[in-house]
């Protein structure tokens, strides 16, 4: 498998090239999958997602606040105004 960028020198490698045009690296000298992906700083296979979340965000649980009493009062007043208007409309 030919990499897009040479893992040895960082030069762009044309598609289906047998060797790097800059440094001459090829499959035998460093184009293995390990060499191609070694410098990407990817997490290893033993990555633990739960441990990562706890380390990044802590063990805090977010509690929903719910609707405050003010908004309940506003909703009740609006319902009463609507009902009062409906009663006057039908009389």
C-alpha atoms as a PDB file:
ATOM      1  CA  UNK A   1       0.000   0.000   0.000  1.00  0.00           C
ATOM      2  CA  UNK A   2       1.546   3.297  -1.097  1.00  0.00           C
ATOM      3  CA  UNK A   3       1.083   6.149   1.404  1.00  0.00           C
ATOM      4  CA  UNK A   4       0.079   9.656   0.271  1.00  0.00           C
ATOM      5  CA  UNK A   5       2.949  11.152   2.270  1.00  0.00           C
ATOM      6  CA  UNK A   6       6.311   9.490   2.809  1.00  0.00           C
ATOM      7  CA  UNK A   7       6.644   8.421   6.464  1.00  0.00           C
ATOM      8  CA  UNK A   8      10.421   8.968   6.265  1.00  0.00           C
ATOM      9  CA  UNK A   9      10.794  12.428   4.710  1.00  0.00           C
ATOM     10  CA  UNK A  10       7.232  13.808   4.514  1.00  0.00           C
ATOM     11  CA  UNK A  11       7.247  14.347   0.731  1.00  0.00           C
ATOM     12  CA  UNK A  12       4.114  13.805  -1.361  1.00  0.00           C
ATOM     13  CA  UNK A  13       4.150  10.393  -3.002  1.00  0.00           C
ATOM     14  CA  UNK A  14       2.337   9.883  -6.337  1.00  0.00           C
ATOM     15  CA  UNK A  15      -0.273   7.156  -6.581  1.00  0.00           C
ATOM     16  CA  UNK A  16       1.037   3.673  -7.369  1.00  0.00           C
ATOM     17  CA  UNK A  17       4.628   4.813  -6.874  1.00  0.00           C
ATOM     18  CA  UNK A  18       7.082   2.085  -5.981  1.00  0.00           C
ATOM     19  CA  UNK A  19       9.360   4.427  -4.028  1.00  0.00           C
ATOM     20  CA  UNK A  20       9.416   7.960  -2.638  1.00  0.00           C
ATOM     21  CA  UNK A  21      10.658  10.409  -5.287  1.00  0.00           C
ATOM     22  CA  UNK A  22      12.571  12.413  -2.633  1.00  0.00           C
ATOM     23  CA  UNK A  23      14.298   9.897  -0.353  1.00  0.00           C
ATOM     24  CA  UNK A  24      13.799   6.575  -2.150  1.00  0.00           C
ATOM     25  CA  UNK A  25      11.966   4.831   0.717  1.00  0.00           C
ATOM     26  CA  UNK A  26       9.854   1.846  -0.338  1.00  0.00           C
ATOM     27  CA  UNK A  27       7.890  -1.046   1.197  1.00  0.00           C
ATOM     28  CA  UNK A  28      11.081  -2.778   2.343  1.00  0.00           C
ATOM     29  CA  UNK A  29      12.610   0.317   3.936  1.00  0.00           C
ATOM     30  CA  UNK A  30       9.657   1.803   5.730  1.00  0.00           C
ATOM     31  CA  UNK A  31       6.281   1.779   3.995  1.00  0.00           C
ATOM     32  CA  UNK A  32       4.748  -0.843   6.190  1.00  0.00           C
ATOM     33  CA  UNK A  33       1.366  -0.052   7.776  1.00  0.00           C
ATOM     34  CA  UNK A  34       3.105   0.423  11.105  1.00  0.00           C
ATOM     35  CA  UNK A  35       5.428   3.064   9.636  1.00  0.00           C
ATOM     36  CA  UNK A  36       2.611   4.795   7.736  1.00  0.00           C
ATOM     37  CA  UNK A  37       0.380   5.155  10.797  1.00  0.00           C
ATOM     38  CA  UNK A  38       3.044   5.402  13.490  1.00  0.00           C
ATOM     39  CA  UNK A  39       3.323   9.202  13.486  1.00  0.00           C
ATOM     40  CA  UNK A  40      -0.416   9.933  13.601  1.00  0.00           C
ATOM     41  CA  UNK A  41      -0.678   9.787  17.411  1.00  0.00           C
ATOM     42  CA  UNK A  42      -3.755   7.546  17.320  1.00  0.00           C
ATOM     43  CA  UNK A  43      -5.024   5.998  20.579  1.00  0.00           C
ATOM     44  CA  UNK A  44      -3.857   2.461  21.161  1.00  0.00           C
ATOM     45  CA  UNK A  45      -6.154  -0.576  21.242  1.00  0.00           C
ATOM     46  CA  UNK A  46      -6.495  -0.431  25.016  1.00  0.00           C
ATOM     47  CA  UNK A  47      -8.380   2.912  24.895  1.00  0.00           C
ATOM     48  CA  UNK A  48     -11.034   2.997  27.638  1.00  0.00           C
ATOM     49  CA  UNK A  49     -13.855   5.401  26.760  1.00  0.00           C
ATOM     50  CA  UNK A  50     -15.400   5.411  30.260  1.00  0.00           C
ATOM     51  CA  UNK A  51     -12.052   6.273  31.824  1.00  0.00           C
ATOM     52  CA  UNK A  52     -11.559   9.058  29.279  1.00  0.00           C
ATOM     53  CA  UNK A  53     -14.995  10.579  30.027  1.00  0.00           C
ATOM     54  CA  UNK A  54     -14.384  10.465  33.784  1.00  0.00           C
ATOM     55  CA  UNK A  55     -10.932  12.032  33.395  1.00  0.00           C
ATOM     56  CA  UNK A  56     -12.173  14.804  31.088  1.00  0.00           C
ATOM     57  CA  UNK A  57     -15.534  15.635  32.643  1.00  0.00           C
ATOM     58  CA  UNK A  58     -15.245  14.356  36.200  1.00  0.00           C
ATOM     59  CA  UNK A  59     -17.859  12.424  38.113  1.00  0.00           C
ATOM     60  CA  UNK A  60     -20.393  15.251  38.270  1.00  0.00           C
ATOM     61  CA  UNK A  61     -23.994  14.363  37.516  1.00  0.00           C
ATOM     62  CA  UNK A  62     -26.063  17.149  36.003  1.00  0.00           C
ATOM     63  CA  UNK A  63     -29.419  17.533  37.701  1.00  0.00           C
ATOM     64  CA  UNK A  64     -32.243  18.986  35.627  1.00  0.00           C
ATOM     65  CA  UNK A  65     -33.479  22.216  37.143  1.00  0.00           C
ATOM     66  CA  UNK A  66     -37.090  21.929  36.023  1.00  0.00           C
ATOM     67  CA  UNK A  67     -39.418  24.867  35.519  1.00  0.00           C
ATOM     68  CA  UNK A  68     -39.108  27.639  38.076  1.00  0.00           C
ATOM     69  CA  UNK A  69     -42.176  28.828  40.012  1.00  0.00           C
ATOM     70  CA  UNK A  70     -42.245  32.079  38.020  1.00  0.00           C
ATOM     71  CA  UNK A  71     -42.808  30.265  34.731  1.00  0.00           C
ATOM     72  CA  UNK A  72     -45.496  28.070  36.300  1.00  0.00           C
ATOM     73  CA  UNK A  73     -47.256  31.267  37.418  1.00  0.00           C
ATOM     74  CA  UNK A  74     -46.955  32.821  33.960  1.00  0.00           C
ATOM     75  CA  UNK A  75     -48.385  29.667  32.377  1.00  0.00           C
ATOM     76  CA  UNK A  76     -51.292  29.594  34.838  1.00  0.00           C
ATOM     77  CA  UNK A  77     -52.100  33.273  34.208  1.00  0.00           C
ATOM     78  CA  UNK A  78     -52.067  32.720  30.440  1.00  0.00           C
ATOM     79  CA  UNK A  79     -54.396  29.736  30.753  1.00  0.00           C
ATOM     80  CA  UNK A  80     -56.779  31.753  32.938  1.00  0.00           C
ATOM     81  CA  UNK A  81     -56.737  34.682  30.485  1.00  0.00           C
ATOM     82  CA  UNK A  82     -57.450  32.298  27.626  1.00  0.00           C
ATOM     83  CA  UNK A  83     -60.346  30.627  29.494  1.00  0.00           C
ATOM     84  CA  UNK A  84     -61.795  34.002  30.541  1.00  0.00           C
ATOM     85  CA  UNK A  85     -61.618  35.179  26.907  1.00  0.00           C
ATOM     86  CA  UNK A  86     -63.326  32.010  25.687  1.00  0.00           C
ATOM     87  CA  UNK A  87     -66.134  32.436  28.261  1.00  0.00           C
ATOM     88  CA  UNK A  88     -66.742  36.035  27.186  1.00  0.00           C
ATOM     89  CA  UNK A  89     -66.691  35.016  23.505  1.00  0.00           C
ATOM     90  CA  UNK A  90     -69.447  32.413  23.896  1.00  0.00           C
ATOM     91  CA  UNK A  91     -71.808  34.657  25.968  1.00  0.00           C
END
